[in-house]
């Protein structure tokens, strides 16, 4: 791929990742101030991991577009690669934590609040970030994961031993993928069972309605669609990169470097752009908070313009503006929706 084209794509992609996740962080922080839900903390940390991915990508784009050489010392190159890998690993682990949280909320709803206390949530998040940092900086810690030769060209395979790629694939991506698919598979099964039970109770308590099969079909389709999007986006974006990297690590004669570094890596980065759309903006509670935040900002901007225009204000206008602002913001608490059959 042409250098300018590659740099332009990475720049646009990184800015979109940063902007979308920054907005998600602001909205989630406002929601956490009203409702300290465990689900919100996990999604917030997912957004933080993704925005860090965006910043590391932007740094790479700056180097590419400024036409600076990637020539550097081995230590600095390993550190740069480690700072790229760690947020990506954290993003994958945080997606697993979100799946685990939803799994508990549906599997054991009556014990969920007892199990997911603030202390447990903090320990889980701290543990996952520690694992992500360990994965990213493993080549810095273990000398055997560094190649014997270094040609002063800084890229993934020039400073990383192929064994490291195999270790990451076998110890991180494969277990995370299996756990991720298992959790959402169980959630889908439970949601399907709950839907059937609800509709069966409705059928027994009332006369059979012709619309019942249709409603049942709609709920099942929503549940399958939701699970399919969550699992599909994760597998489609990260599986090609991890599989191709593992093949390259195992096959010395294979020449997949261009494919991996110029195309499949960009595909993996797209996951950090999809995450705020899937895990944050898709949820009704987040959309409500986002609309209220923009309504508040819009009201304040119009209020400032009115003051600058020198409008004559009546004695009761300030109270009226205060009531309008309260109406625009709303005084609603936002419990997290955990029923996957509702399509979030």
C-alpha atoms as a PDB file:
ATOM      1  CA  UNK A   1       0.000   0.000   0.000  1.00  0.00           C
ATOM      2  CA  UNK A   2       1.192   3.503  -0.794  1.00  0.00           C
ATOM      3  CA  UNK A   3       2.703   5.306   2.196  1.00  0.00           C
ATOM      4  CA  UNK A   4       0.478   8.382   1.853  1.00  0.00           C
ATOM      5  CA  UNK A   5      -2.629   6.250   1.427  1.00  0.00           C
ATOM      6  CA  UNK A   6      -1.738   4.120   4.433  1.00  0.00           C
ATOM      7  CA  UNK A   7      -0.960   7.160   6.571  1.00  0.00           C
ATOM      8  CA  UNK A   8      -4.193   8.881   5.539  1.00  0.00           C
ATOM      9  CA  UNK A   9      -6.314   5.817   6.353  1.00  0.00           C
ATOM     10  CA  UNK A  10      -4.659   5.371   9.757  1.00  0.00           C
ATOM     11  CA  UNK A  11      -5.093   9.086  10.521  1.00  0.00           C
ATOM     12  CA  UNK A  12      -8.803   9.138   9.690  1.00  0.00           C
ATOM     13  CA  UNK A  13      -9.397   5.849  11.498  1.00  0.00           C
ATOM     14  CA  UNK A  14      -7.514   6.937  14.619  1.00  0.00           C
ATOM     15  CA  UNK A  15      -9.354  10.286  14.803  1.00  0.00           C
ATOM     16  CA  UNK A  16     -12.720   8.540  14.466  1.00  0.00           C
ATOM     17  CA  UNK A  17     -11.733   6.075  17.195  1.00  0.00           C
ATOM     18  CA  UNK A  18     -10.637   8.879  19.517  1.00  0.00           C
ATOM     19  CA  UNK A  19     -13.722  11.044  18.891  1.00  0.00           C
ATOM     20  CA  UNK A  20     -16.312   8.254  19.229  1.00  0.00           C
ATOM     21  CA  UNK A  21     -14.754   6.764  22.349  1.00  0.00           C
ATOM     22  CA  UNK A  22     -14.163  10.173  23.961  1.00  0.00           C
ATOM     23  CA  UNK A  23     -17.853  10.959  23.581  1.00  0.00           C
ATOM     24  CA  UNK A  24     -18.735   7.521  24.945  1.00  0.00           C
ATOM     25  CA  UNK A  25     -16.486   8.107  27.976  1.00  0.00           C
ATOM     26  CA  UNK A  26     -18.185  11.437  28.753  1.00  0.00           C
ATOM     27  CA  UNK A  27     -21.674   9.940  28.460  1.00  0.00           C
ATOM     28  CA  UNK A  28     -20.793   6.863  30.532  1.00  0.00           C
ATOM     29  CA  UNK A  29     -19.151   9.021  33.220  1.00  0.00           C
ATOM     30  CA  UNK A  30     -22.350  11.072  33.512  1.00  0.00           C
ATOM     31  CA  UNK A  31     -24.397   7.884  33.787  1.00  0.00           C
ATOM     32  CA  UNK A  32     -22.066   6.438  36.438  1.00  0.00           C
ATOM     33  CA  UNK A  33     -22.525   9.605  38.508  1.00  0.00           C
ATOM     34  CA  UNK A  34     -26.257   8.795  38.583  1.00  0.00           C
ATOM     35  CA  UNK A  35     -26.156   5.008  38.695  1.00  0.00           C
ATOM     36  CA  UNK A  36     -23.088   3.057  39.818  1.00  0.00           C
ATOM     37  CA  UNK A  37     -23.797  -0.025  37.753  1.00  0.00           C
ATOM     38  CA  UNK A  38     -21.114  -2.670  37.247  1.00  0.00           C
ATOM     39  CA  UNK A  39     -21.985  -2.863  33.559  1.00  0.00           C
ATOM     40  CA  UNK A  40     -21.210   0.831  33.133  1.00  0.00           C
ATOM     41  CA  UNK A  41     -17.751   0.436  34.658  1.00  0.00           C
ATOM     42  CA  UNK A  42     -16.854  -2.403  32.289  1.00  0.00           C
ATOM     43  CA  UNK A  43     -18.102  -0.523  29.228  1.00  0.00           C
ATOM     44  CA  UNK A  44     -16.282   2.624  30.393  1.00  0.00           C
ATOM     45  CA  UNK A  45     -12.988   0.736  30.636  1.00  0.00           C
ATOM     46  CA  UNK A  46     -13.613  -0.730  27.199  1.00  0.00           C
ATOM     47  CA  UNK A  47     -13.955   2.810  25.848  1.00  0.00           C
ATOM     48  CA  UNK A  48     -10.757   3.850  27.657  1.00  0.00           C
ATOM     49  CA  UNK A  49      -8.849   0.926  26.125  1.00  0.00           C
ATOM     50  CA  UNK A  50     -10.182   1.755  22.664  1.00  0.00           C
ATOM     51  CA  UNK A  51      -9.301   5.445  22.913  1.00  0.00           C
ATOM     52  CA  UNK A  52      -5.748   4.437  23.863  1.00  0.00           C
ATOM     53  CA  UNK A  53      -5.691   2.296  20.728  1.00  0.00           C
ATOM     54  CA  UNK A  54      -6.695   5.409  18.790  1.00  0.00           C
ATOM     55  CA  UNK A  55      -3.867   7.462  20.292  1.00  0.00           C
ATOM     56  CA  UNK A  56      -1.241   4.814  19.511  1.00  0.00           C
ATOM     57  CA  UNK A  57      -2.544   4.605  15.924  1.00  0.00           C
ATOM     58  CA  UNK A  58      -2.391   8.374  15.580  1.00  0.00           C
ATOM     59  CA  UNK A  59       1.245   8.297  16.670  1.00  0.00           C
ATOM     60  CA  UNK A  60       1.986   5.748  13.950  1.00  0.00           C
ATOM     61  CA  UNK A  61       0.144   7.894  11.403  1.00  0.00           C
ATOM     62  CA  UNK A  62       2.199  10.961  12.344  1.00  0.00           C
ATOM     63  CA  UNK A  63       5.422   9.020  11.775  1.00  0.00           C
ATOM     64  CA  UNK A  64       4.217   7.717   8.420  1.00  0.00           C
ATOM     65  CA  UNK A  65       2.876  11.029   7.082  1.00  0.00           C
ATOM     66  CA  UNK A  66       5.925  12.994   8.229  1.00  0.00           C
ATOM     67  CA  UNK A  67       7.994  10.549   6.142  1.00  0.00           C
ATOM     68  CA  UNK A  68      10.284   9.899   9.067  1.00  0.00           C
ATOM     69  CA  UNK A  69      12.207   6.684   8.984  1.00  0.00           C
ATOM     70  CA  UNK A  70      11.183   3.896  11.326  1.00  0.00           C
ATOM     71  CA  UNK A  71      14.880   3.425  12.045  1.00  0.00           C
ATOM     72  CA  UNK A  72      15.457   3.439  15.781  1.00  0.00           C
ATOM     73  CA  UNK A  73      17.153   1.456  18.486  1.00  0.00           C
ATOM     74  CA  UNK A  74      15.804  -1.967  19.378  1.00  0.00           C
ATOM     75  CA  UNK A  75      14.749  -0.887  22.865  1.00  0.00           C
ATOM     76  CA  UNK A  76      12.736   2.105  21.666  1.00  0.00           C
ATOM     77  CA  UNK A  77      11.148   0.023  18.923  1.00  0.00           C
ATOM     78  CA  UNK A  78      10.096  -2.703  21.359  1.00  0.00           C
ATOM     79  CA  UNK A  79       8.609  -0.086  23.671  1.00  0.00           C
ATOM     80  CA  UNK A  80       6.633   1.449  20.790  1.00  0.00           C
ATOM     81  CA  UNK A  81       5.311  -1.940  19.704  1.00  0.00           C
ATOM     82  CA  UNK A  82       4.451  -2.775  23.326  1.00  0.00           C
ATOM     83  CA  UNK A  83       2.439   0.431  23.684  1.00  0.00           C
ATOM     84  CA  UNK A  84       0.510  -0.567  20.555  1.00  0.00           C
ATOM     85  CA  UNK A  85      -0.161  -4.144  21.680  1.00  0.00           C
ATOM     86  CA  UNK A  86      -1.206  -3.427  25.286  1.00  0.00           C
ATOM     87  CA  UNK A  87      -4.314  -1.279  24.544  1.00  0.00           C
ATOM     88  CA  UNK A  88      -5.437  -3.760  21.886  1.00  0.00           C
ATOM     89  CA  UNK A  89      -5.094  -6.630  24.361  1.00  0.00           C
ATOM     90  CA  UNK A  90      -6.945  -4.567  26.973  1.00  0.00           C
ATOM     91  CA  UNK A  91      -9.761  -3.909  24.491  1.00  0.00           C
ATOM     92  CA  UNK A  92     -10.188  -7.635  23.834  1.00  0.00           C
ATOM     93  CA  UNK A  93     -10.120  -8.474  27.547  1.00  0.00           C
ATOM     94  CA  UNK A  94     -12.626  -5.727  28.352  1.00  0.00           C
ATOM     95  CA  UNK A  95     -15.017  -7.125  25.753  1.00  0.00           C
ATOM     96  CA  UNK A  96     -14.764 -10.465  27.546  1.00  0.00           C
ATOM     97  CA  UNK A  97     -15.488  -8.710  30.866  1.00  0.00           C
ATOM     98  CA  UNK A  98     -18.624  -7.110  29.398  1.00  0.00           C
ATOM     99  CA  UNK A  99     -19.738 -10.541  28.174  1.00  0.00           C
ATOM    100  CA  UNK A 100     -19.037 -12.000  31.628  1.00  0.00           C
ATOM    101  CA  UNK A 101     -21.047  -9.248  33.314  1.00  0.00           C
ATOM    102  CA  UNK A 102     -24.044  -9.806  31.051  1.00  0.00           C
ATOM    103  CA  UNK A 103     -23.690 -13.563  31.517  1.00  0.00           C
ATOM    104  CA  UNK A 104     -23.978 -13.211  35.306  1.00  0.00           C
ATOM    105  CA  UNK A 105     -26.841 -10.706  35.042  1.00  0.00           C
ATOM    106  CA  UNK A 106     -28.932 -13.178  33.051  1.00  0.00           C
ATOM    107  CA  UNK A 107     -27.684 -16.470  34.507  1.00  0.00           C
ATOM    108  CA  UNK A 108     -28.040 -15.522  38.204  1.00  0.00           C
ATOM    109  CA  UNK A 109     -30.118 -12.297  38.263  1.00  0.00           C
ATOM    110  CA  UNK A 110     -31.081 -12.659  41.943  1.00  0.00           C
ATOM    111  CA  UNK A 111     -27.455 -12.968  43.107  1.00  0.00           C
ATOM    112  CA  UNK A 112     -25.972 -10.537  40.606  1.00  0.00           C
ATOM    113  CA  UNK A 113     -25.870  -7.534  42.950  1.00  0.00           C
ATOM    114  CA  UNK A 114     -24.261  -9.643  45.678  1.00  0.00           C
ATOM    115  CA  UNK A 115     -21.606 -11.008  43.335  1.00  0.00           C
ATOM    116  CA  UNK A 116     -20.727  -7.849  41.391  1.00  0.00           C
ATOM    117  CA  UNK A 117     -19.886  -5.477  44.221  1.00  0.00           C
ATOM    118  CA  UNK A 118     -17.750  -2.392  43.633  1.00  0.00           C
ATOM    119  CA  UNK A 119     -14.745  -4.146  45.186  1.00  0.00           C
ATOM    120  CA  UNK A 120     -15.088  -7.196  42.919  1.00  0.00           C
ATOM    121  CA  UNK A 121     -15.567  -4.988  39.852  1.00  0.00           C
ATOM    122  CA  UNK A 122     -12.453  -2.977  40.732  1.00  0.00           C
ATOM    123  CA  UNK A 123     -10.411  -6.167  41.199  1.00  0.00           C
ATOM    124  CA  UNK A 124     -11.589  -7.588  37.869  1.00  0.00           C
ATOM    125  CA  UNK A 125     -10.793  -4.371  35.991  1.00  0.00           C
ATOM    126  CA  UNK A 126      -7.386  -3.979  37.665  1.00  0.00           C
ATOM    127  CA  UNK A 127      -6.557  -7.621  36.944  1.00  0.00           C
ATOM    128  CA  UNK A 128      -7.487  -7.332  33.265  1.00  0.00           C
ATOM    129  CA  UNK A 129      -5.430  -4.163  32.801  1.00  0.00           C
ATOM    130  CA  UNK A 130      -2.472  -5.884  34.490  1.00  0.00           C
ATOM    131  CA  UNK A 131      -2.788  -8.871  32.143  1.00  0.00           C
ATOM    132  CA  UNK A 132      -2.991  -6.555  29.125  1.00  0.00           C
ATOM    133  CA  UNK A 133       0.147  -4.684  30.183  1.00  0.00           C
ATOM    134  CA  UNK A 134       1.931  -7.975  30.836  1.00  0.00           C
ATOM    135  CA  UNK A 135       1.007  -9.248  27.363  1.00  0.00           C
ATOM    136  CA  UNK A 136       2.161  -6.052  25.691  1.00  0.00           C
ATOM    137  CA  UNK A 137       5.446  -5.700  27.569  1.00  0.00           C
ATOM    138  CA  UNK A 138       6.338  -9.401  27.656  1.00  0.00           C
ATOM    139  CA  UNK A 139       9.115  -8.940  25.056  1.00  0.00           C
ATOM    140  CA  UNK A 140      10.614  -6.198  27.210  1.00  0.00           C
ATOM    141  CA  UNK A 141      10.655  -8.486  30.249  1.00  0.00           C
ATOM    142  CA  UNK A 142      11.745 -11.764  28.633  1.00  0.00           C
ATOM    143  CA  UNK A 143      14.873 -11.527  26.528  1.00  0.00           C
ATOM    144  CA  UNK A 144      14.172 -14.833  24.745  1.00  0.00           C
ATOM    145  CA  UNK A 145      11.186 -13.218  22.984  1.00  0.00           C
ATOM    146  CA  UNK A 146      13.492 -10.806  21.144  1.00  0.00           C
ATOM    147  CA  UNK A 147      15.018 -11.821  17.790  1.00  0.00           C
ATOM    148  CA  UNK A 148      18.723 -12.458  17.482  1.00  0.00           C
ATOM    149  CA  UNK A 149      19.177  -9.858  14.745  1.00  0.00           C
ATOM    150  CA  UNK A 150      17.734  -6.367  14.349  1.00  0.00           C
ATOM    151  CA  UNK A 151      18.078  -4.436  11.077  1.00  0.00           C
ATOM    152  CA  UNK A 152      17.049  -1.030  12.553  1.00  0.00           C
ATOM    153  CA  UNK A 153      13.656  -1.170  10.815  1.00  0.00           C
ATOM    154  CA  UNK A 154      10.926  -0.895  13.429  1.00  0.00           C
ATOM    155  CA  UNK A 155       7.948  -3.148  12.802  1.00  0.00           C
ATOM    156  CA  UNK A 156       6.231  -6.028  14.578  1.00  0.00           C
ATOM    157  CA  UNK A 157       8.238  -8.941  13.188  1.00  0.00           C
ATOM    158  CA  UNK A 158      11.613  -7.175  13.253  1.00  0.00           C
ATOM    159  CA  UNK A 159      11.727  -6.832  17.050  1.00  0.00           C
ATOM    160  CA  UNK A 160       9.425  -9.647  18.149  1.00  0.00           C
ATOM    161  CA  UNK A 161      10.375 -13.291  18.181  1.00  0.00           C
ATOM    162  CA  UNK A 162       7.856 -15.468  16.306  1.00  0.00           C
ATOM    163  CA  UNK A 163       7.363 -17.472  19.507  1.00  0.00           C
ATOM    164  CA  UNK A 164       5.826 -14.373  21.102  1.00  0.00           C
ATOM    165  CA  UNK A 165       3.125 -14.236  18.426  1.00  0.00           C
ATOM    166  CA  UNK A 166       2.337 -17.912  19.016  1.00  0.00           C
ATOM    167  CA  UNK A 167       2.187 -17.344  22.791  1.00  0.00           C
ATOM    168  CA  UNK A 168      -0.169 -14.377  22.423  1.00  0.00           C
ATOM    169  CA  UNK A 169      -2.389 -16.257  19.988  1.00  0.00           C
ATOM    170  CA  UNK A 170      -2.552 -19.392  22.135  1.00  0.00           C
ATOM    171  CA  UNK A 171      -2.742 -17.761  25.559  1.00  0.00           C
ATOM    172  CA  UNK A 172      -4.799 -14.645  24.818  1.00  0.00           C
ATOM    173  CA  UNK A 173      -6.806 -14.629  21.602  1.00  0.00           C
ATOM    174  CA  UNK A 174      -7.972 -18.256  21.509  1.00  0.00           C
ATOM    175  CA  UNK A 175      -9.119 -18.443  25.175  1.00  0.00           C
ATOM    176  CA  UNK A 176     -10.704 -14.985  24.956  1.00  0.00           C
ATOM    177  CA  UNK A 177     -12.551 -15.936  21.779  1.00  0.00           C
ATOM    178  CA  UNK A 178     -13.825 -19.224  23.232  1.00  0.00           C
ATOM    179  CA  UNK A 179     -14.968 -17.558  26.470  1.00  0.00           C
ATOM    180  CA  UNK A 180     -16.558 -14.703  24.516  1.00  0.00           C
ATOM    181  CA  UNK A 181     -18.522 -17.068  22.262  1.00  0.00           C
ATOM    182  CA  UNK A 182     -19.498 -19.302  25.202  1.00  0.00           C
ATOM    183  CA  UNK A 183     -20.882 -16.444  27.315  1.00  0.00           C
ATOM    184  CA  UNK A 184     -22.989 -15.022  24.509  1.00  0.00           C
ATOM    185  CA  UNK A 185     -24.094 -18.495  23.462  1.00  0.00           C
ATOM    186  CA  UNK A 186     -25.439 -19.126  26.962  1.00  0.00           C
ATOM    187  CA  UNK A 187     -27.044 -15.673  27.001  1.00  0.00           C
ATOM    188  CA  UNK A 188     -28.785 -16.417  23.712  1.00  0.00           C
ATOM    189  CA  UNK A 189     -30.029 -19.759  25.015  1.00  0.00           C
ATOM    190  CA  UNK A 190     -31.381 -18.216  28.244  1.00  0.00           C
ATOM    191  CA  UNK A 191     -32.982 -15.311  26.392  1.00  0.00           C
ATOM    192  CA  UNK A 192     -34.678 -17.726  23.999  1.00  0.00           C
ATOM    193  CA  UNK A 193     -35.914 -19.824  26.951  1.00  0.00           C
ATOM    194  CA  UNK A 194     -37.227 -16.764  28.811  1.00  0.00           C
ATOM    195  CA  UNK A 195     -39.060 -15.559  25.733  1.00  0.00           C
ATOM    196  CA  UNK A 196     -40.771 -18.907  25.333  1.00  0.00           C
ATOM    197  CA  UNK A 197     -41.746 -19.039  29.005  1.00  0.00           C
ATOM    198  CA  UNK A 198     -43.218 -15.530  28.929  1.00  0.00           C
ATOM    199  CA  UNK A 199     -45.217 -16.206  25.809  1.00  0.00           C
ATOM    200  CA  UNK A 200     -46.412 -19.549  27.167  1.00  0.00           C
ATOM    201  CA  UNK A 201     -47.636 -17.882  30.376  1.00  0.00           C
ATOM    202  CA  UNK A 202     -49.402 -15.219  28.312  1.00  0.00           C
ATOM    203  CA  UNK A 203     -51.066 -17.907  26.230  1.00  0.00           C
ATOM    204  CA  UNK A 204     -52.293 -19.766  29.307  1.00  0.00           C
ATOM    205  CA  UNK A 205     -53.558 -16.684  31.148  1.00  0.00           C
ATOM    206  CA  UNK A 206     -55.451 -15.313  28.190  1.00  0.00           C
ATOM    207  CA  UNK A 207     -56.983 -16.465  24.982  1.00  0.00           C
ATOM    208  CA  UNK A 208     -54.556 -17.326  22.205  1.00  0.00           C
ATOM    209  CA  UNK A 209     -53.812 -14.243  20.157  1.00  0.00           C
ATOM    210  CA  UNK A 210     -52.888 -14.466  16.474  1.00  0.00           C
ATOM    211  CA  UNK A 211     -50.082 -11.974  17.103  1.00  0.00           C
ATOM    212  CA  UNK A 212     -48.314 -14.197  19.645  1.00  0.00           C
ATOM    213  CA  UNK A 213     -46.245 -16.242  17.153  1.00  0.00           C
ATOM    214  CA  UNK A 214     -45.237 -13.034  15.384  1.00  0.00           C
ATOM    215  CA  UNK A 215     -44.098 -11.378  18.618  1.00  0.00           C
ATOM    216  CA  UNK A 216     -42.220 -14.531  19.542  1.00  0.00           C
ATOM    217  CA  UNK A 217     -40.469 -14.529  16.185  1.00  0.00           C
ATOM    218  CA  UNK A 218     -39.555 -10.820  16.481  1.00  0.00           C
ATOM    219  CA  UNK A 219     -37.987 -11.292  19.926  1.00  0.00           C
ATOM    220  CA  UNK A 220     -36.007 -14.319  18.782  1.00  0.00           C
ATOM    221  CA  UNK A 221     -34.750 -12.479  15.713  1.00  0.00           C
ATOM    222  CA  UNK A 222     -33.638  -9.504  17.848  1.00  0.00           C
ATOM    223  CA  UNK A 223     -31.758 -11.776  20.234  1.00  0.00           C
ATOM    224  CA  UNK A 224     -30.026 -13.669  17.408  1.00  0.00           C
ATOM    225  CA  UNK A 225     -29.190 -10.388  15.640  1.00  0.00           C
ATOM    226  CA  UNK A 226     -27.676  -8.867  18.771  1.00  0.00           C
ATOM    227  CA  UNK A 227     -25.531 -11.902  19.564  1.00  0.00           C
ATOM    228  CA  UNK A 228     -24.520 -12.238  15.924  1.00  0.00           C
ATOM    229  CA  UNK A 229     -23.325  -8.633  15.724  1.00  0.00           C
ATOM    230  CA  UNK A 230     -21.388  -8.810  18.999  1.00  0.00           C
ATOM    231  CA  UNK A 231     -19.608 -12.071  18.221  1.00  0.00           C
ATOM    232  CA  UNK A 232     -19.317 -11.430  14.480  1.00  0.00           C
ATOM    233  CA  UNK A 233     -17.650  -8.018  14.771  1.00  0.00           C
ATOM    234  CA  UNK A 234     -15.108  -9.369  17.241  1.00  0.00           C
ATOM    235  CA  UNK A 235     -14.207 -12.433  15.178  1.00  0.00           C
ATOM    236  CA  UNK A 236     -14.205 -10.717  11.770  1.00  0.00           C
ATOM    237  CA  UNK A 237     -11.939  -7.866  12.874  1.00  0.00           C
ATOM    238  CA  UNK A 238      -9.371  -9.702  15.006  1.00  0.00           C
ATOM    239  CA  UNK A 239      -9.329 -13.323  13.810  1.00  0.00           C
ATOM    240  CA  UNK A 240      -7.677 -12.643  10.395  1.00  0.00           C
ATOM    241  CA  UNK A 241      -4.837 -10.644  11.978  1.00  0.00           C
ATOM    242  CA  UNK A 242      -4.149 -13.204  14.702  1.00  0.00           C
ATOM    243  CA  UNK A 243      -4.371 -16.206  12.377  1.00  0.00           C
ATOM    244  CA  UNK A 244      -2.174 -14.636   9.679  1.00  0.00           C
ATOM    245  CA  UNK A 245       0.390 -13.530  12.278  1.00  0.00           C
ATOM    246  CA  UNK A 246       0.524 -17.051  13.698  1.00  0.00           C
ATOM    247  CA  UNK A 247       0.946 -18.546  10.218  1.00  0.00           C
ATOM    248  CA  UNK A 248       3.779 -16.108   9.505  1.00  0.00           C
ATOM    249  CA  UNK A 249       5.425 -16.986  12.821  1.00  0.00           C
ATOM    250  CA  UNK A 250       5.245 -20.711  12.086  1.00  0.00           C
ATOM    251  CA  UNK A 251       6.158 -20.472   8.383  1.00  0.00           C
ATOM    252  CA  UNK A 252       9.507 -18.756   7.913  1.00  0.00           C
ATOM    253  CA  UNK A 253       9.304 -18.843   4.119  1.00  0.00           C
ATOM    254  CA  UNK A 254       5.852 -17.251   4.014  1.00  0.00           C
ATOM    255  CA  UNK A 255       5.754 -13.579   3.032  1.00  0.00           C
ATOM    256  CA  UNK A 256       2.637 -12.220   4.742  1.00  0.00           C
ATOM    257  CA  UNK A 257       4.234  -9.121   6.250  1.00  0.00           C
ATOM    258  CA  UNK A 258       2.598  -6.629   3.884  1.00  0.00           C
ATOM    259  CA  UNK A 259      -0.813  -8.268   4.237  1.00  0.00           C
ATOM    260  CA  UNK A 260      -0.596  -8.284   8.037  1.00  0.00           C
ATOM    261  CA  UNK A 261       0.870  -4.829   8.652  1.00  0.00           C
ATOM    262  CA  UNK A 262      -0.940  -2.864   5.920  1.00  0.00           C
ATOM    263  CA  UNK A 263      -4.372  -4.489   5.796  1.00  0.00           C
ATOM    264  CA  UNK A 264      -5.202  -6.940   8.593  1.00  0.00           C
ATOM    265  CA  UNK A 265      -3.897  -4.594  11.278  1.00  0.00           C
ATOM    266  CA  UNK A 266      -6.234  -1.875  10.000  1.00  0.00           C
ATOM    267  CA  UNK A 267      -9.093  -4.381  10.124  1.00  0.00           C
ATOM    268  CA  UNK A 268      -8.283  -5.088  13.776  1.00  0.00           C
ATOM    269  CA  UNK A 269      -8.280  -1.359  14.519  1.00  0.00           C
ATOM    270  CA  UNK A 270     -11.810  -1.103  13.126  1.00  0.00           C
ATOM    271  CA  UNK A 271     -12.955  -3.089  16.161  1.00  0.00           C
ATOM    272  CA  UNK A 272     -12.086  -0.132  18.395  1.00  0.00           C
ATOM    273  CA  UNK A 273     -14.324   2.029  16.207  1.00  0.00           C
ATOM    274  CA  UNK A 274     -17.187  -0.482  16.285  1.00  0.00           C
ATOM    275  CA  UNK A 275     -17.084  -1.016  20.053  1.00  0.00           C
ATOM    276  CA  UNK A 276     -18.548   2.367  21.100  1.00  0.00           C
ATOM    277  CA  UNK A 277     -21.290   1.929  18.499  1.00  0.00           C
ATOM    278  CA  UNK A 278     -22.171  -1.597  19.665  1.00  0.00           C
ATOM    279  CA  UNK A 279     -21.587  -1.432  23.415  1.00  0.00           C
ATOM    280  CA  UNK A 280     -22.449   2.215  24.121  1.00  0.00           C
ATOM    281  CA  UNK A 281     -24.603   4.033  21.560  1.00  0.00           C
ATOM    282  CA  UNK A 282     -26.706   0.964  20.807  1.00  0.00           C
ATOM    283  CA  UNK A 283     -28.033   0.928  24.368  1.00  0.00           C
ATOM    284  CA  UNK A 284     -31.177   2.933  24.906  1.00  0.00           C
ATOM    285  CA  UNK A 285     -29.973   4.382  28.233  1.00  0.00           C
ATOM    286  CA  UNK A 286     -26.825   5.735  26.621  1.00  0.00           C
ATOM    287  CA  UNK A 287     -28.785   7.279  23.750  1.00  0.00           C
ATOM    288  CA  UNK A 288     -31.117   9.006  26.214  1.00  0.00           C
ATOM    289  CA  UNK A 289     -28.186  10.440  28.175  1.00  0.00           C
ATOM    290  CA  UNK A 290     -26.515  11.539  24.950  1.00  0.00           C
ATOM    291  CA  UNK A 291     -29.656  13.342  23.759  1.00  0.00           C
ATOM    292  CA  UNK A 292     -30.055  15.063  27.125  1.00  0.00           C
ATOM    293  CA  UNK A 293     -26.414  16.167  27.090  1.00  0.00           C
ATOM    294  CA  UNK A 294     -26.792  17.718  23.633  1.00  0.00           C
ATOM    295  CA  UNK A 295     -30.091  19.338  24.635  1.00  0.00           C
ATOM    296  CA  UNK A 296     -28.368  20.891  27.632  1.00  0.00           C
ATOM    297  CA  UNK A 297     -25.470  22.159  25.500  1.00  0.00           C
ATOM    298  CA  UNK A 298     -27.842  23.513  22.851  1.00  0.00           C
ATOM    299  CA  UNK A 299     -29.934  25.304  25.489  1.00  0.00           C
ATOM    300  CA  UNK A 300     -26.889  26.927  27.078  1.00  0.00           C
ATOM    301  CA  UNK A 301     -25.538  28.080  23.701  1.00  0.00           C
ATOM    302  CA  UNK A 302     -28.867  29.640  22.741  1.00  0.00           C
ATOM    303  CA  UNK A 303     -29.063  31.246  26.192  1.00  0.00           C
ATOM    304  CA  UNK A 304     -25.613  32.821  25.700  1.00  0.00           C
ATOM    305  CA  UNK A 305     -26.598  34.113  22.267  1.00  0.00           C
ATOM    306  CA  UNK A 306     -29.705  35.723  23.739  1.00  0.00           C
ATOM    307  CA  UNK A 307     -27.632  37.473  26.397  1.00  0.00           C
ATOM    308  CA  UNK A 308     -25.109  38.697  23.802  1.00  0.00           C
ATOM    309  CA  UNK A 309     -27.974  40.047  21.692  1.00  0.00           C
ATOM    310  CA  UNK A 310     -29.033  42.170  24.648  1.00  0.00           C
ATOM    311  CA  UNK A 311     -32.547  40.812  24.998  1.00  0.00           C
ATOM    312  CA  UNK A 312     -34.769  42.558  27.525  1.00  0.00           C
ATOM    313  CA  UNK A 313     -35.496  40.020  30.231  1.00  0.00           C
ATOM    314  CA  UNK A 314     -38.606  40.034  32.384  1.00  0.00           C
ATOM    315  CA  UNK A 315     -38.308  39.515  36.159  1.00  0.00           C
ATOM    316  CA  UNK A 316     -39.489  35.914  35.878  1.00  0.00           C
ATOM    317  CA  UNK A 317     -37.450  34.992  32.806  1.00  0.00           C
ATOM    318  CA  UNK A 318     -34.540  33.570  34.803  1.00  0.00           C
ATOM    319  CA  UNK A 319     -36.861  31.184  36.631  1.00  0.00           C
ATOM    320  CA  UNK A 320     -38.451  30.232  33.309  1.00  0.00           C
ATOM    321  CA  UNK A 321     -35.025  29.484  31.777  1.00  0.00           C
ATOM    322  CA  UNK A 322     -34.134  27.402  34.818  1.00  0.00           C
ATOM    323  CA  UNK A 323     -37.301  25.348  34.421  1.00  0.00           C
ATOM    324  CA  UNK A 324     -36.600  24.881  30.706  1.00  0.00           C
ATOM    325  CA  UNK A 325     -33.084  23.704  31.446  1.00  0.00           C
ATOM    326  CA  UNK A 326     -34.358  21.236  34.032  1.00  0.00           C
ATOM    327  CA  UNK A 327     -36.853  19.939  31.497  1.00  0.00           C
ATOM    328  CA  UNK A 328     -34.151  19.599  28.837  1.00  0.00           C
ATOM    329  CA  UNK A 329     -31.768  17.743  31.119  1.00  0.00           C
ATOM    330  CA  UNK A 330     -34.359  15.593  32.864  1.00  0.00           C
ATOM    331  CA  UNK A 331     -34.167  13.986  36.268  1.00  0.00           C
ATOM    332  CA  UNK A 332     -34.125  10.368  35.203  1.00  0.00           C
ATOM    333  CA  UNK A 333     -32.039   7.556  36.655  1.00  0.00           C
ATOM    334  CA  UNK A 334     -30.750   4.990  34.203  1.00  0.00           C
ATOM    335  CA  UNK A 335     -30.701   1.360  35.259  1.00  0.00           C
ATOM    336  CA  UNK A 336     -28.669  -0.741  32.831  1.00  0.00           C
ATOM    337  CA  UNK A 337     -30.640  -2.996  30.530  1.00  0.00           C
ATOM    338  CA  UNK A 338     -29.371  -6.535  30.810  1.00  0.00           C
ATOM    339  CA  UNK A 339     -32.063  -8.388  28.911  1.00  0.00           C
ATOM    340  CA  UNK A 340     -30.393  -9.293  25.651  1.00  0.00           C
ATOM    341  CA  UNK A 341     -33.674 -10.216  24.058  1.00  0.00           C
ATOM    342  CA  UNK A 342     -34.628  -6.540  24.046  1.00  0.00           C
ATOM    343  CA  UNK A 343     -31.832  -5.811  21.617  1.00  0.00           C
ATOM    344  CA  UNK A 344     -30.154  -3.479  24.154  1.00  0.00           C
END
